[in-house]
């Protein structure tokens, strides 16, 4: 019996981070539910034990059901008939398993029948599911939409919908349209309020909607007549039970084939306003997208792990010229770097998840009482870090997922190009991660202000101030030199006072900062656990070489050459 949680010690390593004690205390309000709910923890140790037990269940389902079903789901895929979607047989089996195990509504409060887990163990489960089948993670992970409903819906809506999600009903977020992809301000799906019926009706078309035939939809629609920008958009809840939405077609995709990506037609679909009018894009979708981006980071990390394991297994087994190919430097270098990128990505994922956990916990506490000045300061600190690390993390982890998937096929050689090996499916699944929920280029747009305002540098300095074991001293010196180069590069670009030039070099600056951040995160891992030493050494050497390349490019760039890149 395979168990994807137990066979990967790094999961437990990240689960038991020192900040978890503070996160759990805030999430559990000092364990006040222990007297009224029989599955509520009595203390921190009991809470951590619960997370471990649930993650073991997730790991078992991933190893015994979701993973083995991945190939058949990829071949069969979902189908559509008479406006309704039917999942592949393996997908139905997967959903049945996670619902029976109580793995829906993981992060929702107990009063709505959720498990009340923090973000970290929930995202850890998403990491495990993604390693088993990245396409299925798109279905299971959309329960995260319930977080937006919880944050911005009214209590009647929470009571009405969240228990249904916890019981196993699925969700979707209906944002994009044929003429509104990344530019969501252009959304034109029409929301009209009927005074006679006392409700809203939706009309129009949505496209590229993941799990578009779900039970409960969060829908971005134009509620204000005469508007053309984001200020005219509101968020709505559509219940499939009310009818009015049909699936016109399922997209024929390159990868994540088990996840139906749908074109939807809304015809007088009855809906409820979620939150306040005009804040649909400005406030609610931004929150929804940040949560989704964290989920895509988890998906990317799971894919990186799967790609590495496929490559490693093949390299050990495949023999050429009388020995296993893993003994050749060209191959063992690839394997070591794949492991380092997967470990660095996972460290970045859980660092970001902890920041999100902290600020969301304070937001939830603030619904019950006023935060103290100290708590308010702490809230602002972690909110800023979450805002900075989410785009950097989403950009880097998804690029690394693609690189690991690419290298996994390269290790397999011609065999990797065939559908006989899982790496072929993993490669196709990886490709979407650095596109949806905001391309890497859009993540750079979100991250660059944290380069220019010093958010990343300040956090790197905090990492630098940690006491590390003497044997890690040389690695720390390399990171300090990398940080000095990063700081110099930022100053060099800002000195030009040219916004177009800053935008041109933005990706290089963000990546340089990311190499410092991820290097230090791995150094901290190695400081706590010797097994991370190799990945820290490999990644920091890699990051140093990458920063040197970026330094060479920016230092020698003539601003007059900028014109060569324009059409």
Protein backbone atom coordinates (compact mmCIF):
# COMPACT_ATOMS: atom_id res chain seq x y z
CA UNK A 1 0.00 0.00 0.00
CA UNK A 2 1.52 3.32 -1.12
CA UNK A 3 1.26 6.44 1.04
CA UNK A 4 2.40 9.72 -0.48
CA UNK A 5 2.57 11.43 2.93
CA UNK A 6 4.62 8.80 4.72
CA UNK A 7 7.07 8.24 1.84
CA UNK A 8 8.12 11.91 1.81
CA UNK A 9 9.73 13.07 5.11
CA UNK A 10 9.82 16.68 3.91
CA UNK A 11 6.06 16.91 4.44
CA UNK A 12 6.35 16.32 8.18
CA UNK A 13 9.39 18.62 8.30
CA UNK A 14 7.37 21.55 6.96
CA UNK A 15 4.27 20.70 8.99
CA UNK A 16 6.24 21.03 12.24
CA UNK A 17 7.66 24.50 11.59
CA UNK A 18 8.00 26.61 14.80
CA UNK A 19 5.45 29.20 13.58
CA UNK A 20 2.75 26.51 13.52
CA UNK A 21 2.20 26.87 17.27
CA UNK A 22 1.17 30.50 16.86
CA UNK A 23 -0.92 29.69 13.78
CA UNK A 24 -2.82 26.90 15.52
CA UNK A 25 -3.46 28.95 18.66
CA UNK A 26 -4.99 31.73 16.56
CA UNK A 27 -6.96 29.33 14.38
CA UNK A 28 -8.33 27.42 17.39
CA UNK A 29 -8.87 30.51 19.57
CA UNK A 30 -6.94 28.80 22.34
CA UNK A 31 -8.88 25.54 21.77
CA UNK A 32 -12.26 26.88 22.83
CA UNK A 33 -14.19 24.26 20.77
CA UNK A 34 -12.90 21.32 22.79
CA UNK A 35 -15.92 21.33 25.10
CA UNK A 36 -18.56 21.54 22.38
CA UNK A 37 -17.13 19.48 19.50
CA UNK A 38 -15.84 15.95 19.90
CA UNK A 39 -13.31 16.25 17.07
CA UNK A 40 -11.88 19.63 18.15
CA UNK A 41 -8.31 19.48 19.55
CA UNK A 42 -7.67 20.04 23.24
CA UNK A 43 -4.18 21.53 22.76
CA UNK A 44 -1.44 22.13 20.19
CA UNK A 45 -0.10 18.57 20.27
CA UNK A 46 -3.59 17.19 19.74
CA UNK A 47 -4.14 19.55 16.80
CA UNK A 48 -0.88 18.53 15.14
CA UNK A 49 -1.74 14.87 15.69
CA UNK A 50 -5.07 15.47 13.91
CA UNK A 51 -3.32 17.10 10.95
CA UNK A 52 -0.90 14.18 10.70
CA UNK A 53 -3.66 11.58 10.80
CA UNK A 54 -5.69 13.35 8.11
CA UNK A 55 -2.61 13.81 5.93
CA UNK A 56 -1.87 10.10 6.28
CA UNK A 57 -5.38 9.41 4.99
CA UNK A 58 -4.81 11.82 2.09
CA UNK A 59 -1.48 10.16 1.37
CA UNK A 60 -3.07 6.72 1.34
CA UNK A 61 -5.90 7.76 -0.99
CA UNK A 62 -3.34 9.42 -3.29
CA UNK A 63 -1.11 6.36 -3.35
CA UNK A 64 -3.80 3.70 -3.67
CA UNK A 65 -6.57 5.40 -5.67
CA UNK A 66 -5.85 8.81 -7.24
CA UNK A 67 -2.34 7.99 -8.48
CA UNK A 68 -3.27 4.61 -10.01
CA UNK A 69 -6.31 6.21 -11.70
CA UNK A 70 -4.33 9.06 -13.27
CA UNK A 71 -3.49 7.34 -16.57
CA UNK A 72 -7.02 6.09 -17.25
CA UNK A 73 -8.49 9.49 -16.39
CA UNK A 74 -6.01 11.14 -18.77
CA UNK A 75 -7.10 8.82 -21.60
CA UNK A 76 -10.87 8.88 -20.92
CA UNK A 77 -11.41 12.43 -19.74
CA UNK A 78 -14.82 14.03 -19.04
CA UNK A 79 -17.64 14.26 -21.57
CA UNK A 80 -20.61 16.58 -22.10
CA UNK A 81 -24.14 15.68 -23.17
CA UNK A 82 -27.30 17.82 -23.07
CA UNK A 83 -25.42 20.62 -21.32
CA UNK A 84 -24.15 18.46 -18.45
CA UNK A 85 -20.69 17.06 -17.70
CA UNK A 86 -19.90 13.44 -16.84
CA UNK A 87 -16.52 12.84 -15.19
CA UNK A 88 -14.23 9.98 -16.21
CA UNK A 89 -14.81 6.78 -14.23
CA UNK A 90 -11.54 7.25 -12.32
CA UNK A 91 -12.45 10.82 -11.41
CA UNK A 92 -15.77 9.64 -9.98
CA UNK A 93 -13.92 7.04 -7.92
CA UNK A 94 -11.47 9.70 -6.70
CA UNK A 95 -14.27 12.07 -5.68
CA UNK A 96 -16.12 9.27 -3.90
CA UNK A 97 -12.97 8.44 -1.91
CA UNK A 98 -12.22 12.02 -0.78
CA UNK A 99 -15.86 12.73 0.09
CA UNK A 100 -16.20 9.54 2.15
CA UNK A 101 -12.96 10.40 3.93
CA UNK A 102 -14.36 13.83 4.89
CA UNK A 103 -11.74 15.73 2.89
CA UNK A 104 -14.02 18.49 1.59
CA UNK A 105 -14.25 21.78 3.46
CA UNK A 106 -10.89 21.06 5.12
CA UNK A 107 -10.21 24.69 6.06
CA UNK A 108 -13.81 25.66 6.88
CA UNK A 109 -14.94 26.31 10.49
CA UNK A 110 -16.51 23.46 12.46
CA UNK A 111 -19.81 25.29 12.78
CA UNK A 112 -20.27 24.66 9.04
CA UNK A 113 -19.11 21.02 9.39
CA UNK A 114 -15.57 21.75 8.24
CA UNK A 115 -12.34 20.48 9.83
CA UNK A 116 -11.13 24.02 10.74
CA UNK A 117 -7.61 23.24 9.50
CA UNK A 118 -5.09 26.03 8.92
CA UNK A 119 -3.92 26.72 5.37
CA UNK A 120 -0.62 24.83 5.82
CA UNK A 121 -2.05 21.29 6.25
CA UNK A 122 -4.74 22.02 3.65
CA UNK A 123 -2.11 23.10 1.11
CA UNK A 124 -0.03 20.08 2.11
CA UNK A 125 -2.96 17.87 1.12
CA UNK A 126 -3.14 19.75 -2.21
CA UNK A 127 0.58 19.09 -2.73
CA UNK A 128 -0.03 15.35 -2.19
CA UNK A 129 -3.08 15.22 -4.48
CA UNK A 130 -1.16 17.06 -7.22
CA UNK A 131 1.69 14.58 -7.09
CA UNK A 132 -0.89 11.82 -7.65
CA UNK A 133 -2.85 13.61 -10.41
CA UNK A 134 -2.57 17.33 -11.09
CA UNK A 135 -5.86 17.29 -12.99
CA UNK A 136 -7.80 15.94 -10.04
CA UNK A 137 -6.31 18.61 -7.79
CA UNK A 138 -8.21 21.14 -9.93
CA UNK A 139 -11.50 19.57 -8.83
CA UNK A 140 -10.67 18.85 -5.19
CA UNK A 141 -8.79 22.13 -4.70
CA UNK A 142 -11.69 24.30 -5.84
CA UNK A 143 -13.20 23.82 -2.39
CA UNK A 144 -10.93 26.79 -1.66
CA UNK A 145 -13.64 28.96 -3.26
CA UNK A 146 -15.54 28.38 -0.03
CA UNK A 147 -12.96 30.58 1.68
CA UNK A 148 -14.10 33.54 -0.44
CA UNK A 149 -17.72 32.71 0.31
CA UNK A 150 -16.86 32.55 4.02
CA UNK A 151 -14.98 35.85 3.97
CA UNK A 152 -17.43 37.92 1.94
CA UNK A 153 -20.80 36.20 1.98
CA UNK A 154 -23.40 36.93 4.66
CA UNK A 155 -24.19 34.49 7.44
CA UNK A 156 -27.30 33.19 5.70
CA UNK A 157 -25.22 32.35 2.63
CA UNK A 158 -22.53 30.68 4.74
CA UNK A 159 -25.12 28.52 6.49
CA UNK A 160 -26.75 27.68 3.17
CA UNK A 161 -23.72 26.76 1.06
CA UNK A 162 -20.64 25.90 3.13
CA UNK A 163 -22.11 22.75 4.78
CA UNK A 164 -22.98 21.51 1.30
CA UNK A 165 -19.37 21.96 0.22
CA UNK A 166 -18.14 20.18 3.34
CA UNK A 167 -20.53 17.33 2.48
CA UNK A 168 -18.94 16.90 -0.94
CA UNK A 169 -20.51 19.33 -3.42
CA UNK A 170 -18.08 20.88 -5.89
CA UNK A 171 -17.30 24.53 -6.72
CA UNK A 172 -16.03 26.68 -9.56
CA UNK A 173 -15.01 30.28 -10.05
CA UNK A 174 -16.52 31.68 -13.24
CA UNK A 175 -14.33 34.64 -14.15
CA UNK A 176 -12.96 34.58 -17.70
CA UNK A 177 -14.87 35.19 -20.92
CA UNK A 178 -14.07 34.92 -24.64
CA UNK A 179 -12.93 38.56 -24.66
CA UNK A 180 -11.79 38.82 -21.05
CA UNK A 181 -8.89 36.56 -20.09
CA UNK A 182 -6.27 38.22 -17.92
CA UNK A 183 -8.07 41.55 -18.39
CA UNK A 184 -11.00 40.83 -16.08
CA UNK A 185 -12.07 44.49 -16.19
CA UNK A 186 -13.53 43.61 -19.60
CA UNK A 187 -16.01 41.05 -18.20
CA UNK A 188 -19.44 41.62 -19.76
CA UNK A 189 -21.65 38.81 -18.38
CA UNK A 190 -24.76 40.79 -17.46
CA UNK A 191 -26.30 40.79 -13.98
CA UNK A 192 -29.81 42.28 -13.80
CA UNK A 193 -31.80 42.80 -10.63
CA UNK A 194 -35.52 42.00 -10.77
CA UNK A 195 -37.56 44.12 -8.36
CA UNK A 196 -40.52 41.84 -8.99
CA UNK A 197 -38.68 38.61 -8.05
CA UNK A 198 -36.31 40.19 -5.56
CA UNK A 199 -33.27 38.45 -7.08
CA UNK A 200 -30.53 38.76 -9.70
CA UNK A 201 -30.43 37.09 -13.12
CA UNK A 202 -27.26 36.39 -15.10
CA UNK A 203 -26.96 36.33 -18.90
CA UNK A 204 -23.91 35.80 -21.10
CA UNK A 205 -20.99 33.45 -21.75
CA UNK A 206 -18.04 32.33 -19.64
CA UNK A 207 -15.05 30.47 -21.07
CA UNK A 208 -12.13 28.42 -19.73
CA UNK A 209 -14.04 27.65 -16.53
CA UNK A 210 -12.43 24.85 -14.55
CA UNK A 211 -15.03 22.34 -13.33
CA UNK A 212 -17.67 24.48 -15.02
CA UNK A 213 -20.57 22.13 -14.26
CA UNK A 214 -19.97 22.32 -10.52
CA UNK A 215 -22.72 22.48 -7.90
CA UNK A 216 -21.96 25.99 -6.62
CA UNK A 217 -20.38 28.77 -8.69
CA UNK A 218 -18.80 32.09 -7.76
CA UNK A 219 -19.48 34.34 -10.75
CA UNK A 220 -17.99 37.70 -11.74
CA UNK A 221 -20.62 39.73 -13.60
CA UNK A 222 -21.38 43.32 -14.62
CA UNK A 223 -24.06 44.68 -12.32
CA UNK A 224 -23.78 48.40 -13.09
CA UNK A 225 -25.31 49.71 -16.32
CA UNK A 226 -23.10 51.90 -18.46
CA UNK A 227 -19.80 50.80 -16.92
CA UNK A 228 -16.84 49.30 -18.75
CA UNK A 229 -14.24 48.84 -16.02
CA UNK A 230 -13.74 46.90 -12.80
CA UNK A 231 -15.88 49.30 -10.76
CA UNK A 232 -19.01 47.96 -12.45
CA UNK A 233 -18.43 44.31 -11.50
CA UNK A 234 -19.93 42.35 -8.61
CA UNK A 235 -19.61 38.79 -7.31
CA UNK A 236 -22.56 36.39 -7.41
CA UNK A 237 -23.36 32.90 -6.16
CA UNK A 238 -25.05 30.58 -8.64
CA UNK A 239 -26.61 27.31 -7.44
CA UNK A 240 -26.79 24.60 -10.10
CA UNK A 241 -30.05 23.38 -8.54
CA UNK A 242 -31.75 26.53 -9.83
CA UNK A 243 -30.85 25.85 -13.48
CA UNK A 244 -30.16 28.40 -16.18
CA UNK A 245 -26.54 27.49 -17.00
CA UNK A 246 -25.54 24.94 -19.63
CA UNK A 247 -22.14 23.65 -20.67
CA UNK A 248 -21.75 24.44 -24.37
CA UNK A 249 -18.56 22.44 -24.72
CA UNK A 250 -15.50 21.05 -22.94
CA UNK A 251 -12.15 22.36 -24.18
CA UNK A 252 -9.83 19.77 -25.76
CA UNK A 253 -6.74 20.49 -23.68
CA UNK A 254 -3.07 19.60 -23.80
CA UNK A 255 -3.01 18.40 -20.19
CA UNK A 256 -4.92 18.12 -16.89
CA UNK A 257 -7.47 16.26 -18.99
CA UNK A 258 -9.47 14.87 -16.07
CA UNK A 259 -10.47 18.41 -15.14
CA UNK A 260 -13.30 19.66 -17.40
CA UNK A 261 -12.57 23.16 -18.71
CA UNK A 262 -15.93 24.45 -19.88
CA UNK A 263 -17.63 27.12 -21.94
CA UNK A 264 -20.81 28.11 -20.10
CA UNK A 265 -23.95 29.79 -21.37
CA UNK A 266 -25.98 31.74 -18.80
CA UNK A 267 -29.65 32.23 -19.69
CA UNK A 268 -31.61 34.06 -17.00
CA UNK A 269 -29.69 32.14 -14.35
CA UNK A 270 -30.94 33.05 -10.88
CA UNK A 271 -28.12 34.21 -8.58
CA UNK A 272 -27.40 35.83 -5.23
CA UNK A 273 -25.19 38.87 -4.71
CA UNK A 274 -22.12 37.95 -2.65
CA UNK A 275 -20.91 40.86 -0.55
CA UNK A 276 -21.37 44.42 -1.78
CA UNK A 277 -22.01 45.65 -5.29
CA UNK A 278 -19.09 47.02 -7.33
CA UNK A 279 -16.46 45.18 -5.24
CA UNK A 280 -16.50 41.95 -7.28
CA UNK A 281 -13.16 42.52 -9.02
CA UNK A 282 -11.63 45.23 -6.88
CA UNK A 283 -11.81 43.22 -3.65
CA UNK A 284 -13.35 39.76 -3.90
CA UNK A 285 -11.70 38.37 -7.03
CA UNK A 286 -8.32 39.65 -5.86
CA UNK A 287 -8.75 37.61 -2.66
CA UNK A 288 -10.06 34.65 -4.64
CA UNK A 289 -7.12 34.77 -7.06
CA UNK A 290 -4.51 34.97 -4.30
CA UNK A 291 -5.96 31.83 -2.74
CA UNK A 292 -6.04 30.14 -6.14
CA UNK A 293 -2.42 31.09 -6.78
CA UNK A 294 -1.36 29.42 -3.55
CA UNK A 295 -3.24 26.34 -4.74
CA UNK A 296 -1.41 26.42 -8.09
CA UNK A 297 1.88 26.67 -6.20
CA UNK A 298 0.91 23.45 -4.40
CA UNK A 299 -0.02 21.89 -7.73
CA UNK A 300 3.37 22.87 -9.17
CA UNK A 301 5.24 21.46 -6.17
CA UNK A 302 3.35 18.16 -6.45
CA UNK A 303 4.21 18.01 -10.17
CA UNK A 304 7.87 18.79 -9.45
CA UNK A 305 7.95 15.96 -6.92
CA UNK A 306 6.30 13.51 -9.32
CA UNK A 307 8.64 14.48 -12.18
CA UNK A 308 11.70 14.07 -9.98
CA UNK A 309 10.60 10.65 -8.74
CA UNK A 310 9.87 9.41 -12.26
CA UNK A 311 13.24 10.65 -13.49
CA UNK A 312 15.13 9.18 -10.53
CA UNK A 313 13.47 5.77 -10.81
CA UNK A 314 14.19 5.54 -14.52
CA UNK A 315 17.81 6.71 -14.15
CA UNK A 316 18.46 4.01 -11.55
CA UNK A 317 16.84 1.29 -13.65
CA UNK A 318 17.97 2.17 -17.18
CA UNK A 319 21.39 0.78 -18.14
CA UNK A 320 23.57 2.03 -20.98
CA UNK A 321 27.18 1.17 -21.73
CA UNK A 322 27.19 -1.37 -18.93
CA UNK A 323 25.96 0.81 -16.05
CA UNK A 324 22.88 2.65 -14.78
CA UNK A 325 22.57 6.05 -16.45
CA UNK A 326 22.39 7.79 -13.05
CA UNK A 327 26.14 7.15 -12.79
CA UNK A 328 26.83 9.52 -15.69
CA UNK A 329 27.59 13.13 -14.63
CA UNK A 330 25.24 14.60 -17.25
CA UNK A 331 22.38 12.64 -15.68
CA UNK A 332 23.19 12.84 -11.97
CA UNK A 333 23.58 16.61 -12.31
CA UNK A 334 20.03 16.82 -13.71
CA UNK A 335 18.67 14.58 -10.96
CA UNK A 336 20.35 16.61 -8.20
CA UNK A 337 19.07 19.90 -9.61
CA UNK A 338 15.54 18.50 -9.99
CA UNK A 339 15.62 17.47 -6.33
CA UNK A 340 16.94 20.90 -5.30
CA UNK A 341 14.28 22.74 -7.33
CA UNK A 342 11.53 20.55 -5.85
CA UNK A 343 12.83 21.14 -2.32
CA UNK A 344 13.26 24.89 -2.87
CA UNK A 345 9.75 25.09 -4.35
CA UNK A 346 8.25 23.24 -1.39
CA UNK A 347 10.06 25.50 1.09
CA UNK A 348 8.75 28.56 -0.76
CA UNK A 349 5.23 27.11 -0.82
CA UNK A 350 5.02 26.52 2.93
CA UNK A 351 6.73 29.77 3.86
CA UNK A 352 4.04 31.56 1.82
CA UNK A 353 1.28 29.38 3.29
CA UNK A 354 2.40 30.27 6.83
CA UNK A 355 2.25 33.99 5.99
CA UNK A 356 -1.27 33.53 4.58
CA UNK A 357 -2.30 31.52 7.64
CA UNK A 358 -1.16 34.27 9.99
CA UNK A 359 -2.87 37.20 8.31
CA UNK A 360 -6.09 35.27 7.64
CA UNK A 361 -6.23 34.12 11.26
CA UNK A 362 -6.00 37.74 12.41
CA UNK A 363 -8.70 38.76 9.92
CA UNK A 364 -10.96 36.06 11.34
CA UNK A 365 -10.25 37.11 14.94
CA UNK A 366 -11.11 40.69 13.96
CA UNK A 367 -14.64 39.55 13.09
CA UNK A 368 -15.15 38.71 16.77
CA UNK A 369 -13.21 41.42 18.56
CA UNK A 370 -10.92 44.37 17.98
CA UNK A 371 -7.28 43.45 17.44
CA UNK A 372 -4.78 44.76 19.97
CA UNK A 373 -2.15 47.21 18.65
CA UNK A 374 0.43 44.40 18.77
CA UNK A 375 -1.85 42.08 16.86
CA UNK A 376 -2.60 44.78 14.32
CA UNK A 377 1.14 45.23 13.72
CA UNK A 378 1.60 41.49 13.35
CA UNK A 379 -1.35 41.30 10.97
CA UNK A 380 0.07 44.02 8.72
CA UNK A 381 3.50 42.37 8.75
CA UNK A 382 2.27 38.97 7.59
CA UNK A 383 -0.27 40.43 5.16
CA UNK A 384 2.53 42.31 3.41
CA UNK A 385 4.73 39.20 3.28
CA UNK A 386 1.87 37.09 1.90
CA UNK A 387 1.22 39.74 -0.75
CA UNK A 388 4.91 39.68 -1.71
CA UNK A 389 5.61 35.96 -1.57
CA UNK A 390 2.47 34.79 -3.41
CA UNK A 391 3.42 36.18 -6.86
CA UNK A 392 7.11 35.39 -6.46
CA UNK A 393 6.28 31.87 -5.29
CA UNK A 394 3.67 31.25 -7.98
CA UNK A 395 6.07 32.41 -10.68
CA UNK A 396 9.10 30.43 -9.51
CA UNK A 397 7.45 27.16 -8.47
CA UNK A 398 5.48 26.84 -11.70
CA UNK A 399 8.53 27.55 -13.85
CA UNK A 400 10.43 24.90 -11.88
CA UNK A 401 7.58 22.44 -12.33
CA UNK A 402 7.90 22.88 -16.08
CA UNK A 403 11.68 22.54 -15.93
CA UNK A 404 11.51 19.37 -13.82
CA UNK A 405 8.90 17.85 -16.12
CA UNK A 406 11.09 18.70 -19.12
CA UNK A 407 14.17 17.13 -17.51
CA UNK A 408 12.23 14.04 -16.48
CA UNK A 409 11.42 13.35 -20.13
CA UNK A 410 15.02 14.11 -21.11
CA UNK A 411 16.26 11.49 -18.66
CA UNK A 412 13.85 8.96 -20.15
CA UNK A 413 15.14 9.75 -23.65
CA UNK A 414 12.92 8.54 -26.50
CA UNK A 415 10.86 6.46 -24.05
CA UNK A 416 9.76 9.65 -22.32
CA UNK A 417 8.09 10.82 -25.52
CA UNK A 418 5.82 7.79 -25.41
CA UNK A 419 2.58 7.50 -23.46
CA UNK A 420 3.94 4.32 -21.83
CA UNK A 421 5.61 6.46 -19.15
CA UNK A 422 3.97 8.81 -16.66
CA UNK A 423 6.50 11.58 -17.37
CA UNK A 424 4.73 12.26 -20.69
CA UNK A 425 1.47 13.07 -18.88
CA UNK A 426 3.29 15.01 -16.14
CA UNK A 427 4.98 17.15 -18.81
CA UNK A 428 1.64 18.04 -20.38
CA UNK A 429 0.03 18.70 -17.00
CA UNK A 430 2.85 21.01 -15.91
CA UNK A 431 2.52 23.37 -18.85
CA UNK A 432 -0.64 25.11 -17.65
CA UNK A 433 0.69 25.97 -14.19
CA UNK A 434 2.66 29.03 -15.26
CA UNK A 435 -0.28 30.25 -17.37
CA UNK A 436 -3.53 30.05 -15.42
CA UNK A 437 -4.38 32.17 -12.38
CA UNK A 438 -2.00 34.73 -13.85
CA UNK A 439 0.96 33.99 -16.13
CA UNK A 440 4.52 34.26 -14.84
CA UNK A 441 4.71 37.63 -16.59
CA UNK A 442 1.72 38.87 -14.57
CA UNK A 443 3.26 37.51 -11.36
CA UNK A 444 6.31 39.66 -12.10
CA UNK A 445 4.05 42.71 -12.45
CA UNK A 446 2.65 41.96 -8.97
CA UNK A 447 6.06 41.18 -7.45
CA UNK A 448 8.19 44.02 -8.80
CA UNK A 449 6.85 46.62 -6.37
CA UNK A 450 8.12 44.47 -3.53
CA UNK A 451 11.53 44.58 -5.21
CA UNK A 452 11.50 48.35 -5.53
CA UNK A 453 10.11 49.00 -2.02
CA UNK A 454 12.52 46.57 -0.35
CA UNK A 455 10.05 43.99 1.00
CA UNK A 456 12.11 41.06 -0.26
CA UNK A 457 15.43 42.55 0.82
CA UNK A 458 14.14 43.18 4.35
CA UNK A 459 12.98 39.59 4.65
CA UNK A 460 16.29 38.30 3.24
CA UNK A 461 18.09 40.31 5.93
CA UNK A 462 15.93 38.59 8.55
CA UNK A 463 16.96 35.22 7.13
CA UNK A 464 20.59 36.34 7.16
CA UNK A 465 20.38 37.20 10.87
CA UNK A 466 19.44 33.62 11.86
CA UNK A 467 22.15 31.62 13.61
CA UNK A 468 23.31 28.82 11.33
CA UNK A 469 25.50 25.84 12.12
CA UNK A 470 29.24 26.46 11.51
CA UNK A 471 29.36 23.83 8.76
CA UNK A 472 26.84 25.91 6.79
CA UNK A 473 29.02 29.01 6.95
CA UNK A 474 30.33 28.79 3.39
CA UNK A 475 26.81 28.49 2.00
CA UNK A 476 25.71 31.52 4.00
CA UNK A 477 28.67 33.52 2.62
CA UNK A 478 27.55 32.67 -0.91
CA UNK A 479 24.02 33.81 -0.09
CA UNK A 480 25.31 37.06 1.40
CA UNK A 481 27.29 37.71 -1.79
CA UNK A 482 24.21 36.88 -3.89
CA UNK A 483 22.17 39.33 -1.81
CA UNK A 484 24.77 42.05 -2.27
CA UNK A 485 24.59 41.53 -6.05
CA UNK A 486 20.78 41.58 -5.95
CA UNK A 487 20.76 44.85 -3.99
CA UNK A 488 23.24 46.38 -6.43
CA UNK A 489 21.16 45.33 -9.45
CA UNK A 490 17.99 46.86 -8.01
CA UNK A 491 19.79 50.14 -7.35
CA UNK A 492 21.32 50.11 -10.83
CA UNK A 493 17.93 49.77 -12.54
CA UNK A 494 16.16 52.27 -10.26
CA UNK A 495 18.87 54.87 -10.82
CA UNK A 496 17.76 55.21 -14.44
CA UNK A 497 14.36 56.53 -13.25
CA UNK A 498 12.93 54.94 -16.40
CA UNK A 499 9.72 52.95 -15.78
CA UNK A 500 9.85 51.22 -19.15
CA UNK A 501 13.39 50.02 -18.43
CA UNK A 502 12.30 48.84 -14.96
CA UNK A 503 9.47 46.85 -16.54
CA UNK A 504 11.92 45.39 -19.07
CA UNK A 505 14.31 44.17 -16.37
CA UNK A 506 11.59 43.31 -13.83
CA UNK A 507 11.61 39.54 -14.35
CA UNK A 508 15.38 39.38 -13.92
CA UNK A 509 15.19 41.39 -10.69
CA UNK A 510 12.36 39.25 -9.29
CA UNK A 511 14.22 36.06 -10.16
CA UNK A 512 17.43 37.35 -8.56
CA UNK A 513 15.53 38.10 -5.36
CA UNK A 514 13.84 34.70 -5.51
CA UNK A 515 17.17 32.87 -5.73
CA UNK A 516 18.27 34.63 -2.52
CA UNK A 517 14.96 33.90 -0.76
CA UNK A 518 14.76 30.26 -1.80
CA UNK A 519 18.44 29.71 -1.06
CA UNK A 520 17.98 30.98 2.48
CA UNK A 521 14.85 28.87 2.97
CA UNK A 522 16.81 25.75 2.04
CA UNK A 523 19.65 26.86 4.30
CA UNK A 524 17.16 27.03 7.18
CA UNK A 525 15.92 23.55 6.25
CA UNK A 526 19.50 22.26 6.31
CA UNK A 527 20.06 24.02 9.64
CA UNK A 528 17.25 21.92 11.14
CA UNK A 529 17.69 18.70 9.16
CA UNK A 530 20.96 17.46 7.65
CA UNK A 531 19.11 15.68 4.83
CA UNK A 532 18.50 19.08 3.18
CA UNK A 533 22.21 19.89 3.03
CA UNK A 534 22.67 18.49 -0.48
CA UNK A 535 19.70 20.37 -1.93
CA UNK A 536 20.87 23.57 -0.24
CA UNK A 537 24.35 23.21 -1.74
CA UNK A 538 23.05 22.38 -5.22
CA UNK A 539 20.42 25.12 -5.24
CA UNK A 540 22.66 27.86 -3.85
CA UNK A 541 25.36 27.04 -6.44
CA UNK A 542 22.67 27.14 -9.12
CA UNK A 543 21.20 30.39 -7.78
CA UNK A 544 24.62 31.99 -7.61
CA UNK A 545 25.30 31.13 -11.26
CA UNK A 546 21.87 32.47 -12.28
CA UNK A 547 22.38 35.76 -10.43
CA UNK A 548 25.80 36.11 -12.04
CA UNK A 549 24.14 35.74 -15.46
CA UNK A 550 21.51 38.34 -14.54
CA UNK A 551 24.25 40.66 -13.28
CA UNK A 552 26.18 40.26 -16.52
CA UNK A 553 23.11 41.01 -18.61
CA UNK A 554 21.93 44.09 -16.71
CA UNK A 555 25.42 45.51 -16.12
CA UNK A 556 26.31 45.37 -19.82
CA UNK A 557 22.89 46.42 -21.15
CA UNK A 558 22.82 49.65 -23.13
CA UNK A 559 19.47 51.37 -22.66
CA UNK A 560 19.54 52.50 -26.27
CA UNK A 561 19.29 48.81 -27.19
CA UNK A 562 15.80 48.70 -25.66
CA UNK A 563 14.44 49.81 -29.00
CA UNK A 564 15.65 46.60 -30.66
CA UNK A 565 13.08 44.60 -28.70
CA UNK A 566 10.11 46.66 -29.86
CA UNK A 567 8.17 45.80 -32.98
